[in-house]
């Protein structure tokens, strides 16, 4: 066995643990790179989207949460600094046409 084969045998591919969704379910406001990122995250399950500044992570997170809630139910939580909340609310309303996400101050369910 070569060293390369030894290393390749150590590679552990994460299993798919997400949901399959039709690409038509993705909001048409998303750009192509955002659409494939959301689909990739939904299908994979435990994945993070580590996109560079300006590529639309906010919109991707909101759309990912919307679709996941639609298919699985429950609630979604996005943890962020308070000064980022206006951007999330603006993107939800202006780009995705969603209701602005609420700001949670306590653990109480509304």
C-alpha atoms as a PDB file:
ATOM      1  CA  UNK A   1       0.000   0.000   0.000  1.00  0.00           C
ATOM      2  CA  UNK A   2       1.318   3.392  -0.961  1.00  0.00           C
ATOM      3  CA  UNK A   3       1.209   6.371   1.362  1.00  0.00           C
ATOM      4  CA  UNK A   4      -1.395   8.018  -0.911  1.00  0.00           C
ATOM      5  CA  UNK A   5      -3.637   4.930  -0.672  1.00  0.00           C
ATOM      6  CA  UNK A   6      -3.172   4.900   3.109  1.00  0.00           C
ATOM      7  CA  UNK A   7      -4.278   8.550   3.353  1.00  0.00           C
ATOM      8  CA  UNK A   8      -7.208   8.018   0.964  1.00  0.00           C
ATOM      9  CA  UNK A   9      -8.438   5.156   3.162  1.00  0.00           C
ATOM     10  CA  UNK A  10      -8.599   7.615   6.068  1.00  0.00           C
ATOM     11  CA  UNK A  11     -11.029   9.930   4.257  1.00  0.00           C
ATOM     12  CA  UNK A  12     -14.442   9.835   5.890  1.00  0.00           C
ATOM     13  CA  UNK A  13     -17.250  11.226   3.775  1.00  0.00           C
ATOM     14  CA  UNK A  14     -20.075  12.702   5.818  1.00  0.00           C
ATOM     15  CA  UNK A  15     -23.362  10.908   5.137  1.00  0.00           C
ATOM     16  CA  UNK A  16     -26.281  12.825   3.679  1.00  0.00           C
ATOM     17  CA  UNK A  17     -28.706  13.490   6.523  1.00  0.00           C
ATOM     18  CA  UNK A  18     -30.835  16.312   5.139  1.00  0.00           C
ATOM     19  CA  UNK A  19     -33.864  16.549   2.916  1.00  0.00           C
ATOM     20  CA  UNK A  20     -34.283  16.484  -0.842  1.00  0.00           C
ATOM     21  CA  UNK A  21     -36.247  19.379  -2.244  1.00  0.00           C
ATOM     22  CA  UNK A  22     -37.215  20.334  -5.756  1.00  0.00           C
ATOM     23  CA  UNK A  23     -35.177  23.228  -7.078  1.00  0.00           C
ATOM     24  CA  UNK A  24     -38.465  24.950  -7.954  1.00  0.00           C
ATOM     25  CA  UNK A  25     -39.154  25.382  -4.221  1.00  0.00           C
ATOM     26  CA  UNK A  26     -36.227  27.783  -3.894  1.00  0.00           C
ATOM     27  CA  UNK A  27     -37.293  31.426  -4.012  1.00  0.00           C
ATOM     28  CA  UNK A  28     -36.689  32.807  -7.504  1.00  0.00           C
ATOM     29  CA  UNK A  29     -35.063  35.902  -5.984  1.00  0.00           C
ATOM     30  CA  UNK A  30     -31.953  33.880  -5.110  1.00  0.00           C
ATOM     31  CA  UNK A  31     -29.002  34.087  -7.476  1.00  0.00           C
ATOM     32  CA  UNK A  32     -27.649  30.862  -9.023  1.00  0.00           C
ATOM     33  CA  UNK A  33     -24.795  30.438  -6.508  1.00  0.00           C
ATOM     34  CA  UNK A  34     -27.234  31.028  -3.643  1.00  0.00           C
ATOM     35  CA  UNK A  35     -29.694  28.464  -5.007  1.00  0.00           C
ATOM     36  CA  UNK A  36     -27.101  25.695  -5.276  1.00  0.00           C
ATOM     37  CA  UNK A  37     -25.723  26.556  -1.823  1.00  0.00           C
ATOM     38  CA  UNK A  38     -29.168  26.283  -0.230  1.00  0.00           C
ATOM     39  CA  UNK A  39     -29.873  22.988  -2.023  1.00  0.00           C
ATOM     40  CA  UNK A  40     -26.464  21.619  -0.982  1.00  0.00           C
ATOM     41  CA  UNK A  41     -27.046  22.571   2.670  1.00  0.00           C
ATOM     42  CA  UNK A  42     -30.568  21.117   2.719  1.00  0.00           C
ATOM     43  CA  UNK A  43     -29.520  17.812   1.137  1.00  0.00           C
ATOM     44  CA  UNK A  44     -26.448  17.390   3.278  1.00  0.00           C
ATOM     45  CA  UNK A  45     -28.040  18.164   6.610  1.00  0.00           C
ATOM     46  CA  UNK A  46     -25.300  19.170   9.027  1.00  0.00           C
ATOM     47  CA  UNK A  47     -23.584  21.705   6.827  1.00  0.00           C
ATOM     48  CA  UNK A  48     -22.498  25.299   7.080  1.00  0.00           C
ATOM     49  CA  UNK A  49     -22.376  27.880   4.319  1.00  0.00           C
ATOM     50  CA  UNK A  50     -19.122  29.773   4.748  1.00  0.00           C
ATOM     51  CA  UNK A  51     -19.439  32.198   1.856  1.00  0.00           C
ATOM     52  CA  UNK A  52     -17.373  35.351   1.483  1.00  0.00           C
ATOM     53  CA  UNK A  53     -18.610  38.838   2.262  1.00  0.00           C
ATOM     54  CA  UNK A  54     -21.254  40.073  -0.158  1.00  0.00           C
ATOM     55  CA  UNK A  55     -22.384  36.690  -1.513  1.00  0.00           C
ATOM     56  CA  UNK A  56     -25.751  36.716   0.246  1.00  0.00           C
ATOM     57  CA  UNK A  57     -25.359  34.513   3.320  1.00  0.00           C
ATOM     58  CA  UNK A  58     -28.285  36.279   4.978  1.00  0.00           C
ATOM     59  CA  UNK A  59     -30.671  35.414   2.156  1.00  0.00           C
ATOM     60  CA  UNK A  60     -29.349  31.846   2.021  1.00  0.00           C
ATOM     61  CA  UNK A  61     -29.906  31.361   5.759  1.00  0.00           C
ATOM     62  CA  UNK A  62     -33.428  32.741   5.628  1.00  0.00           C
ATOM     63  CA  UNK A  63     -34.370  30.583   2.648  1.00  0.00           C
ATOM     64  CA  UNK A  64     -32.792  27.494   4.187  1.00  0.00           C
ATOM     65  CA  UNK A  65     -34.838  28.038   7.365  1.00  0.00           C
ATOM     66  CA  UNK A  66     -38.052  28.657   5.415  1.00  0.00           C
ATOM     67  CA  UNK A  67     -37.780  25.465   3.395  1.00  0.00           C
ATOM     68  CA  UNK A  68     -36.718  23.359   6.358  1.00  0.00           C
ATOM     69  CA  UNK A  69     -39.673  24.612   8.413  1.00  0.00           C
ATOM     70  CA  UNK A  70     -42.009  23.913   5.494  1.00  0.00           C
ATOM     71  CA  UNK A  71     -40.839  20.297   5.216  1.00  0.00           C
ATOM     72  CA  UNK A  72     -40.029  19.413   8.822  1.00  0.00           C
ATOM     73  CA  UNK A  73     -42.107  21.849  10.886  1.00  0.00           C
ATOM     74  CA  UNK A  74     -40.880  23.328  14.124  1.00  0.00           C
ATOM     75  CA  UNK A  75     -38.986  26.558  14.549  1.00  0.00           C
ATOM     76  CA  UNK A  76     -35.654  27.870  13.337  1.00  0.00           C
ATOM     77  CA  UNK A  77     -33.121  29.877  15.288  1.00  0.00           C
ATOM     78  CA  UNK A  78     -30.446  32.098  13.791  1.00  0.00           C
ATOM     79  CA  UNK A  79     -28.002  33.467  16.348  1.00  0.00           C
ATOM     80  CA  UNK A  80     -26.430  36.784  15.379  1.00  0.00           C
ATOM     81  CA  UNK A  81     -25.178  40.051  16.797  1.00  0.00           C
ATOM     82  CA  UNK A  82     -28.019  42.482  17.412  1.00  0.00           C
ATOM     83  CA  UNK A  83     -26.654  44.999  14.893  1.00  0.00           C
ATOM     84  CA  UNK A  84     -27.164  42.437  12.093  1.00  0.00           C
ATOM     85  CA  UNK A  85     -30.911  42.078  12.765  1.00  0.00           C
ATOM     86  CA  UNK A  86     -31.926  45.028  10.535  1.00  0.00           C
ATOM     87  CA  UNK A  87     -30.155  43.389   7.581  1.00  0.00           C
ATOM     88  CA  UNK A  88     -31.999  40.102   8.174  1.00  0.00           C
ATOM     89  CA  UNK A  89     -35.340  41.886   8.444  1.00  0.00           C
ATOM     90  CA  UNK A  90     -34.700  43.972   5.317  1.00  0.00           C
ATOM     91  CA  UNK A  91     -33.548  40.984   3.238  1.00  0.00           C
ATOM     92  CA  UNK A  92     -36.507  38.883   4.390  1.00  0.00           C
ATOM     93  CA  UNK A  93     -39.026  41.554   3.406  1.00  0.00           C
ATOM     94  CA  UNK A  94     -37.373  43.251   0.433  1.00  0.00           C
ATOM     95  CA  UNK A  95     -35.661  40.338  -1.327  1.00  0.00           C
ATOM     96  CA  UNK A  96     -37.575  37.211  -0.294  1.00  0.00           C
ATOM     97  CA  UNK A  97     -41.022  38.714   0.320  1.00  0.00           C
ATOM     98  CA  UNK A  98     -41.219  37.078   3.758  1.00  0.00           C
ATOM     99  CA  UNK A  99     -42.427  38.450   7.049  1.00  0.00           C
ATOM    100  CA  UNK A 100     -39.481  39.937   8.940  1.00  0.00           C
ATOM    101  CA  UNK A 101     -38.090  37.427  11.448  1.00  0.00           C
ATOM    102  CA  UNK A 102     -38.869  38.228  15.080  1.00  0.00           C
ATOM    103  CA  UNK A 103     -36.212  39.063  17.632  1.00  0.00           C
ATOM    104  CA  UNK A 104     -36.321  36.676  20.598  1.00  0.00           C
ATOM    105  CA  UNK A 105     -35.601  38.259  23.959  1.00  0.00           C
ATOM    106  CA  UNK A 106     -36.604  35.323  26.168  1.00  0.00           C
ATOM    107  CA  UNK A 107     -37.089  31.560  25.999  1.00  0.00           C
ATOM    108  CA  UNK A 108     -40.893  32.042  26.137  1.00  0.00           C
ATOM    109  CA  UNK A 109     -42.729  30.648  23.106  1.00  0.00           C
ATOM    110  CA  UNK A 110     -45.095  33.098  21.453  1.00  0.00           C
END
